[in-house]
Amino acid sequence: MDKQQIFNEIQSALVKLFELSPDDITPQSKLFEELDLDSIDAVDLVVHLQKKIGKKVDPETFKSVRTVQDVVDAVDKLVNG
């Protein structure tokens, strides 16, 4: 899975889980300030991604995540590590 595929998966998850517009989701989008996610939403996103990639996501990995690109990079590291 390359970074573009990971981004597409995350974008799709954000649209499905939080009813966001795909047009609002770019790699530079800030999860909390621009996309209006809260900590519970972030947990929901992590759980969704764990199911998709079949790997356990370390919560520590996601503490420093601020943008969609940060999520892409974290997932890429897990998948392609």
N, C-alpha and C. Protein backbone atom coordinates (compact mmCIF):
# COMPACT_ATOMS: atom_id res chain seq x y z
N MET A 1 0.85 -1.17 0.00
CA MET A 1 0.00 0.00 0.00
C MET A 1 0.91 1.25 0.00
N ASP A 2 0.76 2.08 -1.02
CA ASP A 2 1.60 3.28 -1.07
C ASP A 2 0.89 4.45 -0.38
N LYS A 3 1.60 5.57 -0.27
CA LYS A 3 1.06 6.71 0.49
C LYS A 3 -0.22 7.27 -0.14
N GLN A 4 -0.32 7.23 -1.46
CA GLN A 4 -1.55 7.72 -2.10
C GLN A 4 -2.74 6.84 -1.73
N GLN A 5 -2.52 5.53 -1.73
CA GLN A 5 -3.59 4.60 -1.35
C GLN A 5 -3.98 4.80 0.12
N ILE A 6 -2.97 5.03 0.96
CA ILE A 6 -3.23 5.27 2.38
C ILE A 6 -4.05 6.56 2.54
N PHE A 7 -3.64 7.62 1.83
CA PHE A 7 -4.39 8.88 1.89
C PHE A 7 -5.84 8.65 1.46
N ASN A 8 -6.03 7.94 0.35
CA ASN A 8 -7.38 7.68 -0.15
C ASN A 8 -8.22 6.94 0.90
N GLU A 9 -7.60 5.99 1.57
CA GLU A 9 -8.30 5.22 2.61
C GLU A 9 -8.68 6.12 3.79
N ILE A 10 -7.76 6.97 4.20
CA ILE A 10 -8.02 7.88 5.32
C ILE A 10 -9.10 8.89 4.93
N GLN A 11 -9.01 9.41 3.72
CA GLN A 11 -10.01 10.37 3.24
C GLN A 11 -11.39 9.71 3.24
N SER A 12 -11.46 8.50 2.72
CA SER A 12 -12.71 7.76 2.67
C SER A 12 -13.26 7.52 4.08
N ALA A 13 -12.38 7.18 5.02
CA ALA A 13 -12.80 6.95 6.40
C ALA A 13 -13.34 8.23 7.03
N LEU A 14 -12.68 9.35 6.78
CA LEU A 14 -13.13 10.63 7.34
C LEU A 14 -14.50 11.02 6.79
N VAL A 15 -14.70 10.75 5.50
CA VAL A 15 -16.00 11.06 4.88
C VAL A 15 -17.08 10.16 5.49
N LYS A 16 -16.79 8.86 5.58
CA LYS A 16 -17.77 7.89 6.06
C LYS A 16 -18.07 8.06 7.55
N LEU A 17 -17.03 8.21 8.36
CA LEU A 17 -17.21 8.25 9.81
C LEU A 17 -17.72 9.60 10.32
N PHE A 18 -17.28 10.68 9.69
CA PHE A 18 -17.56 12.00 10.25
C PHE A 18 -18.32 12.92 9.30
N GLU A 19 -18.79 12.35 8.19
CA GLU A 19 -19.61 13.09 7.21
C GLU A 19 -18.93 14.38 6.74
N LEU A 20 -17.62 14.29 6.51
CA LEU A 20 -16.88 15.43 5.97
C LEU A 20 -16.93 15.39 4.46
N SER A 21 -16.74 16.53 3.84
CA SER A 21 -16.69 16.57 2.38
C SER A 21 -15.28 16.17 1.92
N PRO A 22 -15.19 15.31 0.91
CA PRO A 22 -13.86 14.91 0.40
C PRO A 22 -13.03 16.12 -0.04
N ASP A 23 -13.71 17.17 -0.49
CA ASP A 23 -13.01 18.38 -0.95
C ASP A 23 -12.31 19.10 0.19
N ASP A 24 -12.77 18.89 1.42
CA ASP A 24 -12.18 19.56 2.58
C ASP A 24 -10.95 18.81 3.11
N ILE A 25 -10.73 17.61 2.62
CA ILE A 25 -9.67 16.77 3.18
C ILE A 25 -8.47 16.74 2.24
N THR A 26 -7.42 17.41 2.66
CA THR A 26 -6.16 17.41 1.92
C THR A 26 -5.08 16.91 2.86
N PRO A 27 -3.91 16.56 2.34
CA PRO A 27 -2.83 16.13 3.25
C PRO A 27 -2.49 17.19 4.31
N GLN A 28 -2.67 18.46 3.97
CA GLN A 28 -2.33 19.54 4.90
C GLN A 28 -3.44 19.87 5.90
N SER A 29 -4.62 19.27 5.73
CA SER A 29 -5.75 19.56 6.64
C SER A 29 -5.38 19.22 8.08
N LYS A 30 -5.66 20.17 8.95
CA LYS A 30 -5.43 19.95 10.39
C LYS A 30 -6.63 19.23 10.96
N LEU A 31 -6.39 18.09 11.58
CA LEU A 31 -7.47 17.23 12.07
C LEU A 31 -8.39 17.94 13.06
N PHE A 32 -7.80 18.64 14.01
CA PHE A 32 -8.60 19.21 15.10
C PHE A 32 -9.12 20.61 14.76
N GLU A 33 -8.27 21.45 14.19
CA GLU A 33 -8.68 22.83 13.92
C GLU A 33 -9.57 22.93 12.67
N GLU A 34 -9.18 22.29 11.59
CA GLU A 34 -9.90 22.46 10.32
C GLU A 34 -11.00 21.43 10.09
N LEU A 35 -10.74 20.19 10.48
CA LEU A 35 -11.73 19.13 10.24
C LEU A 35 -12.64 18.93 11.45
N ASP A 36 -12.36 19.64 12.53
CA ASP A 36 -13.23 19.63 13.71
C ASP A 36 -13.33 18.27 14.40
N LEU A 37 -12.28 17.47 14.34
CA LEU A 37 -12.29 16.20 15.05
C LEU A 37 -11.93 16.46 16.51
N ASP A 38 -12.42 15.61 17.39
CA ASP A 38 -12.00 15.69 18.79
C ASP A 38 -11.27 14.39 19.14
N SER A 39 -10.87 14.23 20.38
CA SER A 39 -10.08 13.06 20.76
C SER A 39 -10.85 11.76 20.57
N ILE A 40 -12.15 11.78 20.79
CA ILE A 40 -12.98 10.58 20.58
C ILE A 40 -13.01 10.22 19.10
N ASP A 41 -13.15 11.24 18.25
CA ASP A 41 -13.12 11.01 16.80
C ASP A 41 -11.79 10.40 16.38
N ALA A 42 -10.71 10.89 16.96
CA ALA A 42 -9.38 10.37 16.62
C ALA A 42 -9.28 8.89 16.97
N VAL A 43 -9.84 8.52 18.12
CA VAL A 43 -9.85 7.10 18.53
C VAL A 43 -10.67 6.28 17.53
N ASP A 44 -11.83 6.80 17.13
CA ASP A 44 -12.66 6.10 16.15
C ASP A 44 -11.90 5.89 14.84
N LEU A 45 -11.17 6.92 14.43
CA LEU A 45 -10.38 6.82 13.19
C LEU A 45 -9.30 5.75 13.32
N VAL A 46 -8.61 5.72 14.45
CA VAL A 46 -7.55 4.72 14.69
C VAL A 46 -8.14 3.31 14.66
N VAL A 47 -9.28 3.12 15.32
CA VAL A 47 -9.93 1.80 15.33
C VAL A 47 -10.29 1.37 13.91
N HIS A 48 -10.84 2.30 13.14
CA HIS A 48 -11.20 2.02 11.75
C HIS A 48 -9.96 1.62 10.95
N LEU A 49 -8.88 2.37 11.12
CA LEU A 49 -7.65 2.08 10.37
C LEU A 49 -7.04 0.75 10.78
N GLN A 50 -7.12 0.43 12.06
CA GLN A 50 -6.60 -0.87 12.52
C GLN A 50 -7.30 -2.01 11.81
N LYS A 51 -8.61 -1.90 11.67
CA LYS A 51 -9.38 -2.95 10.98
C LYS A 51 -8.96 -3.04 9.52
N LYS A 52 -8.74 -1.89 8.88
CA LYS A 52 -8.39 -1.86 7.46
C LYS A 52 -7.01 -2.44 7.19
N ILE A 53 -6.04 -2.09 8.04
CA ILE A 53 -4.65 -2.52 7.77
C ILE A 53 -4.29 -3.82 8.48
N GLY A 54 -5.14 -4.25 9.42
CA GLY A 54 -4.90 -5.51 10.09
C GLY A 54 -3.73 -5.48 11.05
N LYS A 55 -3.36 -4.30 11.52
CA LYS A 55 -2.26 -4.18 12.48
C LYS A 55 -2.70 -3.30 13.64
N LYS A 56 -2.13 -3.59 14.80
CA LYS A 56 -2.43 -2.79 15.99
C LYS A 56 -1.70 -1.46 15.88
N VAL A 57 -2.41 -0.40 16.17
CA VAL A 57 -1.83 0.93 16.13
C VAL A 57 -1.48 1.35 17.55
N ASP A 58 -0.24 1.71 17.76
CA ASP A 58 0.22 2.16 19.07
C ASP A 58 -0.31 3.57 19.33
N PRO A 59 -1.06 3.75 20.42
CA PRO A 59 -1.61 5.08 20.71
C PRO A 59 -0.54 6.18 20.76
N GLU A 60 0.66 5.82 21.21
CA GLU A 60 1.76 6.80 21.27
C GLU A 60 2.05 7.38 19.89
N THR A 61 1.93 6.55 18.87
CA THR A 61 2.19 6.98 17.50
C THR A 61 1.27 8.12 17.10
N PHE A 62 0.05 8.08 17.61
CA PHE A 62 -0.94 9.06 17.18
C PHE A 62 -1.02 10.29 18.09
N LYS A 63 -0.24 10.32 19.15
CA LYS A 63 -0.27 11.50 20.03
C LYS A 63 0.29 12.74 19.34
N SER A 64 1.23 12.55 18.42
CA SER A 64 1.85 13.71 17.76
C SER A 64 1.19 14.04 16.42
N VAL A 65 0.18 13.28 16.05
CA VAL A 65 -0.50 13.49 14.78
C VAL A 65 -1.35 14.76 14.82
N ARG A 66 -1.14 15.64 13.83
CA ARG A 66 -1.90 16.88 13.77
C ARG A 66 -2.61 17.08 12.43
N THR A 67 -2.03 16.53 11.36
CA THR A 67 -2.60 16.71 10.03
C THR A 67 -2.93 15.36 9.41
N VAL A 68 -3.66 15.41 8.31
CA VAL A 68 -3.97 14.18 7.57
C VAL A 68 -2.67 13.52 7.11
N GLN A 69 -1.70 14.34 6.67
CA GLN A 69 -0.41 13.78 6.23
C GLN A 69 0.30 13.05 7.36
N ASP A 70 0.19 13.56 8.59
CA ASP A 70 0.78 12.87 9.74
C ASP A 70 0.17 11.48 9.91
N VAL A 71 -1.13 11.37 9.69
CA VAL A 71 -1.80 10.07 9.78
C VAL A 71 -1.29 9.15 8.67
N VAL A 72 -1.20 9.69 7.45
CA VAL A 72 -0.69 8.92 6.31
C VAL A 72 0.71 8.38 6.63
N ASP A 73 1.57 9.24 7.13
CA ASP A 73 2.95 8.83 7.45
C ASP A 73 3.00 7.77 8.54
N ALA A 74 2.16 7.92 9.57
CA ALA A 74 2.12 6.95 10.65
C ALA A 74 1.64 5.58 10.17
N VAL A 75 0.60 5.58 9.34
CA VAL A 75 0.07 4.33 8.79
C VAL A 75 1.08 3.70 7.83
N ASP A 76 1.72 4.53 7.02
CA ASP A 76 2.73 4.04 6.08
C ASP A 76 3.86 3.34 6.84
N LYS A 77 4.29 3.94 7.94
CA LYS A 77 5.36 3.37 8.76
C LYS A 77 4.94 2.01 9.31
N LEU A 78 3.68 1.91 9.73
CA LEU A 78 3.16 0.64 10.26
C LEU A 78 3.07 -0.44 9.18
N VAL A 79 2.54 -0.04 8.03
CA VAL A 79 2.29 -1.01 6.95
C VAL A 79 3.58 -1.40 6.24
N ASN A 80 4.40 -0.40 5.94
CA ASN A 80 5.58 -0.65 5.12
C ASN A 80 6.88 -0.60 5.90
N GLY A 81 6.76 -0.29 7.19
CA GLY A 81 7.77 -0.14 8.16
C GLY A 81 9.15 -0.39 7.94
